[in-house]
């Protein structure tokens, strides 16, 4: 058994993943780790590029027959992992410091921590979305509809990025740098197959909370996240919005009582309709999201019925 199994899912992000792996090797010391690359929809190009990694880089390479999505591809990596901890690392990330050792040390000294992650930064070193303090529900939707001002009031400058000098408990850590206790994943289950992309880490963190463990932001661990690059710039907005709407409904179906889901979705739908009325580019995008949301609610007939859609 090693200390940490680092699982990186590749989907047509070959140059990015090479840089990510190189950053792991160059910054990580004092911890025994393995790297597992899960290649969704592999190509001759991806095999060739990954073959050009430095000779001192050792990794397991798993080829998937198709694009399984983020969660299920990570699950494949978990099945081949030997680590006490599982570290989901996006291919569009670059370690700034010895982040993996920092997160490992925190988990080792805090046995009630089931998951943790560091602070994420954009390429220009501006603060990036690293977590949310709350999980989806009525307060979440109310906050979303008010440009997250309620969360800013509740949590100040630490609502989605940890500006403090100490760890804080959060609702979820983004999937870009999510370290998980392997024993806890055996207890709660890994990523749910119902999520292709979006909300899969939120759902998993929710289950970790329900099992009695903490989810923690550790700000000393620092990682650059070239957000969205691994998805590809050519990805159509309608396609992404469809995934987002499907996963949002699935999260509520799995994790909230029906009455709470109804209250939350009434706020969500009212906000989308308000955005539709504004017109312009954002209004057009909101119309697409509204269509996707109504269609996604077919996955949860009881909720759709009570929303009178």
C-alpha atoms as a PDB file:
ATOM      1  CA  UNK A   1       0.000   0.000   0.000  1.00  0.00           C
ATOM      2  CA  UNK A   2       1.207   3.526  -0.800  1.00  0.00           C
ATOM      3  CA  UNK A   3       0.213   6.753   0.948  1.00  0.00           C
ATOM      4  CA  UNK A   4      -1.691   8.449  -1.891  1.00  0.00           C
ATOM      5  CA  UNK A   5      -3.104   7.264  -5.217  1.00  0.00           C
ATOM      6  CA  UNK A   6      -3.349  10.253  -7.562  1.00  0.00           C
ATOM      7  CA  UNK A   7      -6.091   9.694 -10.154  1.00  0.00           C
ATOM      8  CA  UNK A   8      -6.097  11.949 -13.214  1.00  0.00           C
ATOM      9  CA  UNK A   9      -8.826  11.582 -15.826  1.00  0.00           C
ATOM     10  CA  UNK A  10      -7.860  12.487 -19.388  1.00  0.00           C
ATOM     11  CA  UNK A  11     -10.355  13.421 -22.074  1.00  0.00           C
ATOM     12  CA  UNK A  12      -8.617  14.957 -25.080  1.00  0.00           C
ATOM     13  CA  UNK A  13      -6.475  17.098 -22.776  1.00  0.00           C
ATOM     14  CA  UNK A  14      -3.152  15.468 -23.542  1.00  0.00           C
ATOM     15  CA  UNK A  15      -0.754  18.422 -23.251  1.00  0.00           C
ATOM     16  CA  UNK A  16      -2.502  19.603 -20.101  1.00  0.00           C
ATOM     17  CA  UNK A  17      -2.284  16.234 -18.394  1.00  0.00           C
ATOM     18  CA  UNK A  18       1.436  15.951 -19.159  1.00  0.00           C
ATOM     19  CA  UNK A  19       2.028  19.310 -17.500  1.00  0.00           C
ATOM     20  CA  UNK A  20      -0.106  18.238 -14.535  1.00  0.00           C
ATOM     21  CA  UNK A  21       1.842  15.000 -14.076  1.00  0.00           C
ATOM     22  CA  UNK A  22       5.166  16.809 -14.400  1.00  0.00           C
ATOM     23  CA  UNK A  23       4.069  19.307 -11.732  1.00  0.00           C
ATOM     24  CA  UNK A  24       3.192  16.435  -9.372  1.00  0.00           C
ATOM     25  CA  UNK A  25       6.626  14.884  -9.829  1.00  0.00           C
ATOM     26  CA  UNK A  26       8.489  18.156  -9.443  1.00  0.00           C
ATOM     27  CA  UNK A  27       6.650  19.378  -6.331  1.00  0.00           C
ATOM     28  CA  UNK A  28       5.802  16.231  -4.393  1.00  0.00           C
ATOM     29  CA  UNK A  29       8.180  14.860  -1.779  1.00  0.00           C
ATOM     30  CA  UNK A  30       7.979  13.193   1.605  1.00  0.00           C
ATOM     31  CA  UNK A  31       5.011  11.022   0.645  1.00  0.00           C
ATOM     32  CA  UNK A  32       4.801   7.674  -1.148  1.00  0.00           C
ATOM     33  CA  UNK A  33       2.439   8.065  -4.102  1.00  0.00           C
ATOM     34  CA  UNK A  34       1.338   6.475  -7.350  1.00  0.00           C
ATOM     35  CA  UNK A  35      -0.142   8.156 -10.421  1.00  0.00           C
ATOM     36  CA  UNK A  36      -3.073   6.577 -12.252  1.00  0.00           C
ATOM     37  CA  UNK A  37      -4.099   8.084 -15.594  1.00  0.00           C
ATOM     38  CA  UNK A  38      -7.572   7.104 -16.777  1.00  0.00           C
ATOM     39  CA  UNK A  39      -7.939   7.872 -20.488  1.00  0.00           C
ATOM     40  CA  UNK A  40     -11.538   8.468 -21.530  1.00  0.00           C
ATOM     41  CA  UNK A  41     -11.958   7.862 -25.270  1.00  0.00           C
ATOM     42  CA  UNK A  42      -8.215   7.336 -25.898  1.00  0.00           C
ATOM     43  CA  UNK A  43      -6.594   8.146 -29.220  1.00  0.00           C
ATOM     44  CA  UNK A  44      -3.274   7.479 -30.889  1.00  0.00           C
ATOM     45  CA  UNK A  45      -2.378  11.081 -30.117  1.00  0.00           C
ATOM     46  CA  UNK A  46      -3.087  10.737 -26.394  1.00  0.00           C
ATOM     47  CA  UNK A  47      -1.023   7.559 -26.195  1.00  0.00           C
ATOM     48  CA  UNK A  48       1.853   9.227 -28.022  1.00  0.00           C
ATOM     49  CA  UNK A  49       1.799  12.384 -25.915  1.00  0.00           C
ATOM     50  CA  UNK A  50       1.618  10.498 -22.618  1.00  0.00           C
ATOM     51  CA  UNK A  51       4.502   8.365 -23.836  1.00  0.00           C
ATOM     52  CA  UNK A  52       6.637  11.506 -24.009  1.00  0.00           C
ATOM     53  CA  UNK A  53       6.570  12.058 -20.245  1.00  0.00           C
ATOM     54  CA  UNK A  54       9.959  12.262 -18.567  1.00  0.00           C
ATOM     55  CA  UNK A  55      11.618   8.869 -18.028  1.00  0.00           C
ATOM     56  CA  UNK A  56      11.474   9.384 -14.255  1.00  0.00           C
ATOM     57  CA  UNK A  57       7.652   9.515 -14.322  1.00  0.00           C
ATOM     58  CA  UNK A  58       6.008   6.196 -13.490  1.00  0.00           C
ATOM     59  CA  UNK A  59       2.255   5.835 -13.838  1.00  0.00           C
ATOM     60  CA  UNK A  60      -0.521   3.341 -14.434  1.00  0.00           C
ATOM     61  CA  UNK A  61      -2.394   3.902 -17.675  1.00  0.00           C
ATOM     62  CA  UNK A  62      -6.007   2.762 -17.990  1.00  0.00           C
ATOM     63  CA  UNK A  63      -7.793   2.961 -21.342  1.00  0.00           C
ATOM     64  CA  UNK A  64     -11.573   3.291 -21.372  1.00  0.00           C
ATOM     65  CA  UNK A  65     -13.564   2.244 -24.420  1.00  0.00           C
ATOM     66  CA  UNK A  66     -15.662   5.403 -24.273  1.00  0.00           C
ATOM     67  CA  UNK A  67     -16.033   8.660 -22.373  1.00  0.00           C
ATOM     68  CA  UNK A  68     -17.404   7.533 -19.008  1.00  0.00           C
ATOM     69  CA  UNK A  69     -17.614  11.016 -17.544  1.00  0.00           C
ATOM     70  CA  UNK A  70     -15.638  12.410 -14.624  1.00  0.00           C
ATOM     71  CA  UNK A  71     -17.015  10.353 -11.752  1.00  0.00           C
ATOM     72  CA  UNK A  72     -17.096   6.920 -13.346  1.00  0.00           C
ATOM     73  CA  UNK A  73     -13.609   7.362 -14.811  1.00  0.00           C
ATOM     74  CA  UNK A  74     -12.307   8.238 -11.341  1.00  0.00           C
ATOM     75  CA  UNK A  75     -14.048   5.144  -9.998  1.00  0.00           C
ATOM     76  CA  UNK A  76     -12.077   3.045 -12.493  1.00  0.00           C
ATOM     77  CA  UNK A  77      -8.915   4.613 -11.147  1.00  0.00           C
ATOM     78  CA  UNK A  78     -10.016   3.861  -7.578  1.00  0.00           C
ATOM     79  CA  UNK A  79     -10.404   0.181  -8.476  1.00  0.00           C
ATOM     80  CA  UNK A  80      -6.724   0.029  -9.418  1.00  0.00           C
ATOM     81  CA  UNK A  81      -5.509   2.195  -6.541  1.00  0.00           C
ATOM     82  CA  UNK A  82      -3.361   1.016  -3.651  1.00  0.00           C
ATOM     83  CA  UNK A  83      -3.319   4.240  -1.653  1.00  0.00           C
ATOM     84  CA  UNK A  84      -4.549   4.910   1.845  1.00  0.00           C
ATOM     85  CA  UNK A  85      -5.889   8.117   0.311  1.00  0.00           C
ATOM     86  CA  UNK A  86      -7.347   8.779  -3.129  1.00  0.00           C
ATOM     87  CA  UNK A  87      -6.559  12.118  -4.732  1.00  0.00           C
ATOM     88  CA  UNK A  88      -8.710  13.225  -7.670  1.00  0.00           C
ATOM     89  CA  UNK A  89      -6.653  15.733  -9.634  1.00  0.00           C
ATOM     90  CA  UNK A  90      -7.899  17.482 -12.780  1.00  0.00           C
ATOM     91  CA  UNK A  91      -5.659  17.361 -15.863  1.00  0.00           C
ATOM     92  CA  UNK A  92      -5.913  21.155 -16.117  1.00  0.00           C
ATOM     93  CA  UNK A  93      -4.105  21.714 -12.804  1.00  0.00           C
ATOM     94  CA  UNK A  94      -0.547  22.596 -11.804  1.00  0.00           C
ATOM     95  CA  UNK A  95       0.781  22.149  -8.295  1.00  0.00           C
ATOM     96  CA  UNK A  96       2.298  25.304  -6.842  1.00  0.00           C
ATOM     97  CA  UNK A  97       3.794  23.662  -3.757  1.00  0.00           C
ATOM     98  CA  UNK A  98       3.984  20.275  -2.045  1.00  0.00           C
ATOM     99  CA  UNK A  99       0.181  20.267  -1.921  1.00  0.00           C
ATOM    100  CA  UNK A 100      -0.271  16.498  -1.880  1.00  0.00           C
ATOM    101  CA  UNK A 101       1.960  16.082   1.169  1.00  0.00           C
ATOM    102  CA  UNK A 102       0.195  18.971   2.915  1.00  0.00           C
ATOM    103  CA  UNK A 103      -3.233  17.389   2.351  1.00  0.00           C
ATOM    104  CA  UNK A 104      -1.901  13.954   3.296  1.00  0.00           C
ATOM    105  CA  UNK A 105      -0.491  15.294   6.568  1.00  0.00           C
ATOM    106  CA  UNK A 106      -3.809  16.935   7.402  1.00  0.00           C
ATOM    107  CA  UNK A 107      -5.740  13.714   6.802  1.00  0.00           C
ATOM    108  CA  UNK A 108      -3.235  11.736   8.873  1.00  0.00           C
ATOM    109  CA  UNK A 109      -3.668  14.014  11.887  1.00  0.00           C
ATOM    110  CA  UNK A 110      -7.460  14.444  11.555  1.00  0.00           C
ATOM    111  CA  UNK A 111      -9.095  10.995  11.396  1.00  0.00           C
ATOM    112  CA  UNK A 112     -12.617  12.479  11.237  1.00  0.00           C
ATOM    113  CA  UNK A 113     -11.762  14.235   7.979  1.00  0.00           C
ATOM    114  CA  UNK A 114     -13.230  12.198   5.131  1.00  0.00           C
ATOM    115  CA  UNK A 115     -12.279  14.589   2.326  1.00  0.00           C
ATOM    116  CA  UNK A 116     -10.174  17.693   1.876  1.00  0.00           C
ATOM    117  CA  UNK A 117      -8.695  19.961  -0.765  1.00  0.00           C
ATOM    118  CA  UNK A 118      -6.510  23.022  -1.133  1.00  0.00           C
ATOM    119  CA  UNK A 119      -6.884  26.537  -2.463  1.00  0.00           C
ATOM    120  CA  UNK A 120      -7.207  26.827  -6.237  1.00  0.00           C
ATOM    121  CA  UNK A 121      -5.830  29.715  -8.286  1.00  0.00           C
ATOM    122  CA  UNK A 122      -6.301  30.888 -11.853  1.00  0.00           C
ATOM    123  CA  UNK A 123      -3.262  31.070 -14.148  1.00  0.00           C
ATOM    124  CA  UNK A 124      -2.774  34.720 -13.165  1.00  0.00           C
ATOM    125  CA  UNK A 125      -2.785  33.624  -9.485  1.00  0.00           C
ATOM    126  CA  UNK A 126      -6.155  35.200  -8.780  1.00  0.00           C
ATOM    127  CA  UNK A 127      -8.383  33.245  -6.416  1.00  0.00           C
ATOM    128  CA  UNK A 128     -10.466  30.480  -8.012  1.00  0.00           C
ATOM    129  CA  UNK A 129     -13.561  28.608  -6.844  1.00  0.00           C
ATOM    130  CA  UNK A 130     -12.213  25.984  -4.453  1.00  0.00           C
ATOM    131  CA  UNK A 131     -15.282  24.903  -2.458  1.00  0.00           C
ATOM    132  CA  UNK A 132     -18.704  26.016  -1.216  1.00  0.00           C
ATOM    133  CA  UNK A 133     -19.506  26.317   2.457  1.00  0.00           C
ATOM    134  CA  UNK A 134     -23.041  24.976   1.987  1.00  0.00           C
ATOM    135  CA  UNK A 135     -24.606  22.117   0.058  1.00  0.00           C
ATOM    136  CA  UNK A 136     -27.449  22.528  -2.457  1.00  0.00           C
ATOM    137  CA  UNK A 137     -30.835  23.214  -0.934  1.00  0.00           C
ATOM    138  CA  UNK A 138     -33.155  26.124  -0.181  1.00  0.00           C
ATOM    139  CA  UNK A 139     -30.410  28.401   1.175  1.00  0.00           C
ATOM    140  CA  UNK A 140     -28.151  27.491  -1.757  1.00  0.00           C
ATOM    141  CA  UNK A 141     -30.803  28.426  -4.330  1.00  0.00           C
ATOM    142  CA  UNK A 142     -31.707  31.620  -2.485  1.00  0.00           C
ATOM    143  CA  UNK A 143     -28.039  32.563  -2.405  1.00  0.00           C
ATOM    144  CA  UNK A 144     -27.625  31.738  -6.107  1.00  0.00           C
ATOM    145  CA  UNK A 145     -30.571  33.963  -6.972  1.00  0.00           C
ATOM    146  CA  UNK A 146     -28.994  36.853  -5.047  1.00  0.00           C
ATOM    147  CA  UNK A 147     -25.505  36.650  -6.548  1.00  0.00           C
ATOM    148  CA  UNK A 148     -24.356  34.679  -3.494  1.00  0.00           C
ATOM    149  CA  UNK A 149     -24.631  37.707  -1.219  1.00  0.00           C
ATOM    150  CA  UNK A 150     -26.221  35.621   1.585  1.00  0.00           C
ATOM    151  CA  UNK A 151     -23.137  33.387   1.639  1.00  0.00           C
ATOM    152  CA  UNK A 152     -20.869  36.419   1.649  1.00  0.00           C
ATOM    153  CA  UNK A 153     -22.782  37.742   4.648  1.00  0.00           C
ATOM    154  CA  UNK A 154     -22.566  34.400   6.458  1.00  0.00           C
ATOM    155  CA  UNK A 155     -18.976  33.522   5.634  1.00  0.00           C
ATOM    156  CA  UNK A 156     -17.347  36.800   4.676  1.00  0.00           C
ATOM    157  CA  UNK A 157     -14.317  36.462   2.418  1.00  0.00           C
ATOM    158  CA  UNK A 158     -14.157  32.696   2.922  1.00  0.00           C
ATOM    159  CA  UNK A 159     -17.291  31.592   1.074  1.00  0.00           C
ATOM    160  CA  UNK A 160     -15.579  29.813  -1.845  1.00  0.00           C
ATOM    161  CA  UNK A 161     -11.836  30.409  -1.266  1.00  0.00           C
ATOM    162  CA  UNK A 162     -10.004  30.044   2.039  1.00  0.00           C
ATOM    163  CA  UNK A 163      -8.340  33.366   2.828  1.00  0.00           C
ATOM    164  CA  UNK A 164      -7.724  32.357   6.424  1.00  0.00           C
ATOM    165  CA  UNK A 165      -4.515  30.739   7.604  1.00  0.00           C
ATOM    166  CA  UNK A 166      -6.248  27.689   8.985  1.00  0.00           C
ATOM    167  CA  UNK A 167      -8.424  24.798   7.751  1.00  0.00           C
ATOM    168  CA  UNK A 168     -12.181  25.332   7.684  1.00  0.00           C
ATOM    169  CA  UNK A 169     -15.067  22.898   7.342  1.00  0.00           C
ATOM    170  CA  UNK A 170     -16.979  23.250   4.070  1.00  0.00           C
ATOM    171  CA  UNK A 171     -19.923  21.742   2.237  1.00  0.00           C
ATOM    172  CA  UNK A 172     -17.923  20.313  -0.628  1.00  0.00           C
ATOM    173  CA  UNK A 173     -14.514  20.528  -2.273  1.00  0.00           C
ATOM    174  CA  UNK A 174     -14.384  20.936  -6.048  1.00  0.00           C
ATOM    175  CA  UNK A 175     -13.433  17.798  -7.940  1.00  0.00           C
ATOM    176  CA  UNK A 176     -10.294  19.475  -9.319  1.00  0.00           C
ATOM    177  CA  UNK A 177      -8.283  18.582  -6.197  1.00  0.00           C
ATOM    178  CA  UNK A 178     -10.319  16.291  -3.975  1.00  0.00           C
ATOM    179  CA  UNK A 179      -8.459  14.053  -1.517  1.00  0.00           C
ATOM    180  CA  UNK A 180     -10.526  11.201  -0.092  1.00  0.00           C
ATOM    181  CA  UNK A 181      -9.929   8.690   2.660  1.00  0.00           C
ATOM    182  CA  UNK A 182     -10.070   5.298   0.903  1.00  0.00           C
ATOM    183  CA  UNK A 183     -11.708   3.590   3.889  1.00  0.00           C
ATOM    184  CA  UNK A 184     -14.448   6.221   3.918  1.00  0.00           C
ATOM    185  CA  UNK A 185     -15.110   5.663   0.205  1.00  0.00           C
ATOM    186  CA  UNK A 186     -15.558   1.961   0.927  1.00  0.00           C
ATOM    187  CA  UNK A 187     -18.150   2.987   3.499  1.00  0.00           C
ATOM    188  CA  UNK A 188     -20.027   5.623   1.493  1.00  0.00           C
ATOM    189  CA  UNK A 189     -19.480   4.354  -2.032  1.00  0.00           C
ATOM    190  CA  UNK A 190     -17.539   6.189  -4.732  1.00  0.00           C
ATOM    191  CA  UNK A 191     -18.907   8.624  -7.317  1.00  0.00           C
ATOM    192  CA  UNK A 192     -22.500   7.823  -8.254  1.00  0.00           C
ATOM    193  CA  UNK A 193     -22.947   6.579 -11.852  1.00  0.00           C
ATOM    194  CA  UNK A 194     -26.015   8.795 -12.339  1.00  0.00           C
ATOM    195  CA  UNK A 195     -23.761  11.848 -12.700  1.00  0.00           C
ATOM    196  CA  UNK A 196     -21.908  12.225 -16.002  1.00  0.00           C
ATOM    197  CA  UNK A 197     -20.438  15.576 -15.041  1.00  0.00           C
ATOM    198  CA  UNK A 198     -21.272  18.337 -12.520  1.00  0.00           C
ATOM    199  CA  UNK A 199     -22.495  17.776  -8.944  1.00  0.00           C
ATOM    200  CA  UNK A 200     -20.754  14.395  -8.662  1.00  0.00           C
ATOM    201  CA  UNK A 201     -18.269  15.677  -6.073  1.00  0.00           C
ATOM    202  CA  UNK A 202     -21.069  17.571  -4.310  1.00  0.00           C
ATOM    203  CA  UNK A 203     -23.103  14.376  -4.028  1.00  0.00           C
ATOM    204  CA  UNK A 204     -20.093  12.416  -2.776  1.00  0.00           C
ATOM    205  CA  UNK A 205     -19.236  15.066  -0.173  1.00  0.00           C
ATOM    206  CA  UNK A 206     -22.868  15.068   0.952  1.00  0.00           C
ATOM    207  CA  UNK A 207     -22.655  11.321   1.594  1.00  0.00           C
ATOM    208  CA  UNK A 208     -19.376  11.798   3.448  1.00  0.00           C
ATOM    209  CA  UNK A 209     -21.085  14.369   5.702  1.00  0.00           C
ATOM    210  CA  UNK A 210     -24.020  12.009   6.298  1.00  0.00           C
ATOM    211  CA  UNK A 211     -21.578   9.271   7.326  1.00  0.00           C
ATOM    212  CA  UNK A 212     -20.295  11.556  10.080  1.00  0.00           C
ATOM    213  CA  UNK A 213     -17.053  12.822   8.546  1.00  0.00           C
ATOM    214  CA  UNK A 214     -15.810  16.340   7.903  1.00  0.00           C
ATOM    215  CA  UNK A 215     -15.004  17.925   4.542  1.00  0.00           C
ATOM    216  CA  UNK A 216     -12.228  20.456   4.971  1.00  0.00           C
ATOM    217  CA  UNK A 217     -10.458  23.210   3.038  1.00  0.00           C
ATOM    218  CA  UNK A 218      -6.708  23.241   3.781  1.00  0.00           C
ATOM    219  CA  UNK A 219      -5.413  26.599   2.467  1.00  0.00           C
ATOM    220  CA  UNK A 220      -1.722  25.787   2.764  1.00  0.00           C
ATOM    221  CA  UNK A 221      -2.087  23.416  -0.232  1.00  0.00           C
ATOM    222  CA  UNK A 222      -1.987  25.550  -3.382  1.00  0.00           C
ATOM    223  CA  UNK A 223      -2.837  24.498  -6.942  1.00  0.00           C
ATOM    224  CA  UNK A 224      -3.419  26.348 -10.220  1.00  0.00           C
ATOM    225  CA  UNK A 225      -6.643  25.370 -11.977  1.00  0.00           C
ATOM    226  CA  UNK A 226      -6.890  26.268 -15.658  1.00  0.00           C
ATOM    227  CA  UNK A 227     -10.645  25.991 -15.208  1.00  0.00           C
ATOM    228  CA  UNK A 228     -12.667  24.575 -18.080  1.00  0.00           C
ATOM    229  CA  UNK A 229      -9.673  23.799 -20.295  1.00  0.00           C
ATOM    230  CA  UNK A 230     -10.024  20.036 -19.899  1.00  0.00           C
ATOM    231  CA  UNK A 231     -13.623  20.246 -21.173  1.00  0.00           C
ATOM    232  CA  UNK A 232     -12.448  21.846 -24.383  1.00  0.00           C
ATOM    233  CA  UNK A 233     -13.317  25.244 -25.784  1.00  0.00           C
ATOM    234  CA  UNK A 234     -15.358  23.660 -28.560  1.00  0.00           C
ATOM    235  CA  UNK A 235     -17.904  22.248 -26.122  1.00  0.00           C
ATOM    236  CA  UNK A 236     -21.335  23.653 -26.859  1.00  0.00           C
ATOM    237  CA  UNK A 237     -23.030  25.639 -24.105  1.00  0.00           C
ATOM    238  CA  UNK A 238     -26.308  23.795 -24.622  1.00  0.00           C
ATOM    239  CA  UNK A 239     -24.551  20.473 -24.070  1.00  0.00           C
ATOM    240  CA  UNK A 240     -22.882  21.661 -20.874  1.00  0.00           C
ATOM    241  CA  UNK A 241     -26.105  23.244 -19.609  1.00  0.00           C
ATOM    242  CA  UNK A 242     -27.892  19.974 -20.277  1.00  0.00           C
ATOM    243  CA  UNK A 243     -25.391  18.039 -18.185  1.00  0.00           C
ATOM    244  CA  UNK A 244     -25.638  20.684 -15.479  1.00  0.00           C
ATOM    245  CA  UNK A 245     -29.441  20.586 -15.354  1.00  0.00           C
ATOM    246  CA  UNK A 246     -29.546  16.769 -15.331  1.00  0.00           C
ATOM    247  CA  UNK A 247     -27.029  16.537 -12.508  1.00  0.00           C
ATOM    248  CA  UNK A 248     -28.714  19.248 -10.442  1.00  0.00           C
ATOM    249  CA  UNK A 249     -32.010  17.342 -10.536  1.00  0.00           C
ATOM    250  CA  UNK A 250     -30.233  14.083  -9.732  1.00  0.00           C
ATOM    251  CA  UNK A 251     -28.568  15.643  -6.704  1.00  0.00           C
ATOM    252  CA  UNK A 252     -31.899  16.836  -5.280  1.00  0.00           C
ATOM    253  CA  UNK A 253     -33.525  13.500  -6.003  1.00  0.00           C
ATOM    254  CA  UNK A 254     -30.821  11.651  -4.101  1.00  0.00           C
ATOM    255  CA  UNK A 255     -30.157  13.970  -1.181  1.00  0.00           C
ATOM    256  CA  UNK A 256     -33.144  16.127  -0.157  1.00  0.00           C
ATOM    257  CA  UNK A 257     -36.669  15.379   1.031  1.00  0.00           C
ATOM    258  CA  UNK A 258     -39.231  16.089  -1.678  1.00  0.00           C
ATOM    259  CA  UNK A 259     -40.754  19.091   0.113  1.00  0.00           C
ATOM    260  CA  UNK A 260     -37.350  20.768   0.430  1.00  0.00           C
ATOM    261  CA  UNK A 261     -36.568  20.000  -3.206  1.00  0.00           C
ATOM    262  CA  UNK A 262     -39.831  21.689  -4.247  1.00  0.00           C
ATOM    263  CA  UNK A 263     -38.999  24.833  -2.258  1.00  0.00           C
ATOM    264  CA  UNK A 264     -35.483  24.932  -3.672  1.00  0.00           C
ATOM    265  CA  UNK A 265     -36.592  24.418  -7.273  1.00  0.00           C
ATOM    266  CA  UNK A 266     -39.269  27.100  -7.052  1.00  0.00           C
ATOM    267  CA  UNK A 267     -36.517  29.571  -6.206  1.00  0.00           C
ATOM    268  CA  UNK A 268     -34.267  28.159  -8.938  1.00  0.00           C
ATOM    269  CA  UNK A 269     -36.931  28.338 -11.638  1.00  0.00           C
ATOM    270  CA  UNK A 270     -38.010  31.846 -10.629  1.00  0.00           C
ATOM    271  CA  UNK A 271     -34.422  33.003 -10.942  1.00  0.00           C
ATOM    272  CA  UNK A 272     -33.942  31.430 -14.376  1.00  0.00           C
ATOM    273  CA  UNK A 273     -37.170  33.003 -15.646  1.00  0.00           C
ATOM    274  CA  UNK A 274     -36.050  36.368 -14.323  1.00  0.00           C
ATOM    275  CA  UNK A 275     -32.801  36.002 -16.273  1.00  0.00           C
ATOM    276  CA  UNK A 276     -34.737  35.015 -19.407  1.00  0.00           C
ATOM    277  CA  UNK A 277     -36.692  38.265 -19.250  1.00  0.00           C
ATOM    278  CA  UNK A 278     -33.517  40.354 -19.325  1.00  0.00           C
ATOM    279  CA  UNK A 279     -32.732  39.408 -22.917  1.00  0.00           C
ATOM    280  CA  UNK A 280     -29.321  39.641 -24.473  1.00  0.00           C
ATOM    281  CA  UNK A 281     -26.720  36.873 -24.433  1.00  0.00           C
ATOM    282  CA  UNK A 282     -27.379  35.959 -20.816  1.00  0.00           C
ATOM    283  CA  UNK A 283     -31.095  35.924 -21.442  1.00  0.00           C
ATOM    284  CA  UNK A 284     -30.664  33.538 -24.355  1.00  0.00           C
ATOM    285  CA  UNK A 285     -28.455  31.277 -22.264  1.00  0.00           C
ATOM    286  CA  UNK A 286     -31.056  31.347 -19.493  1.00  0.00           C
ATOM    287  CA  UNK A 287     -33.714  30.243 -21.993  1.00  0.00           C
ATOM    288  CA  UNK A 288     -31.558  27.268 -22.946  1.00  0.00           C
ATOM    289  CA  UNK A 289     -31.026  26.455 -19.267  1.00  0.00           C
ATOM    290  CA  UNK A 290     -34.757  26.703 -18.604  1.00  0.00           C
ATOM    291  CA  UNK A 291     -35.499  24.249 -21.426  1.00  0.00           C
ATOM    292  CA  UNK A 292     -32.796  21.912 -20.136  1.00  0.00           C
ATOM    293  CA  UNK A 293     -34.132  22.184 -16.590  1.00  0.00           C
ATOM    294  CA  UNK A 294     -37.720  21.364 -17.555  1.00  0.00           C
ATOM    295  CA  UNK A 295     -36.485  18.385 -19.556  1.00  0.00           C
ATOM    296  CA  UNK A 296     -34.191  17.266 -16.722  1.00  0.00           C
ATOM    297  CA  UNK A 297     -37.103  17.275 -14.271  1.00  0.00           C
ATOM    298  CA  UNK A 298     -38.501  14.304 -16.164  1.00  0.00           C
ATOM    299  CA  UNK A 299     -35.899  12.349 -14.157  1.00  0.00           C
ATOM    300  CA  UNK A 300     -37.849  13.249 -11.012  1.00  0.00           C
ATOM    301  CA  UNK A 301     -41.585  12.994 -11.868  1.00  0.00           C
ATOM    302  CA  UNK A 302     -42.811  13.640  -8.310  1.00  0.00           C
ATOM    303  CA  UNK A 303     -40.905  16.903  -8.178  1.00  0.00           C
ATOM    304  CA  UNK A 304     -42.010  17.978 -11.643  1.00  0.00           C
ATOM    305  CA  UNK A 305     -45.641  17.282 -10.776  1.00  0.00           C
ATOM    306  CA  UNK A 306     -45.530  19.394  -7.617  1.00  0.00           C
ATOM    307  CA  UNK A 307     -43.895  22.221  -9.584  1.00  0.00           C
ATOM    308  CA  UNK A 308     -46.864  22.069 -11.997  1.00  0.00           C
ATOM    309  CA  UNK A 309     -44.644  21.812 -15.073  1.00  0.00           C
END
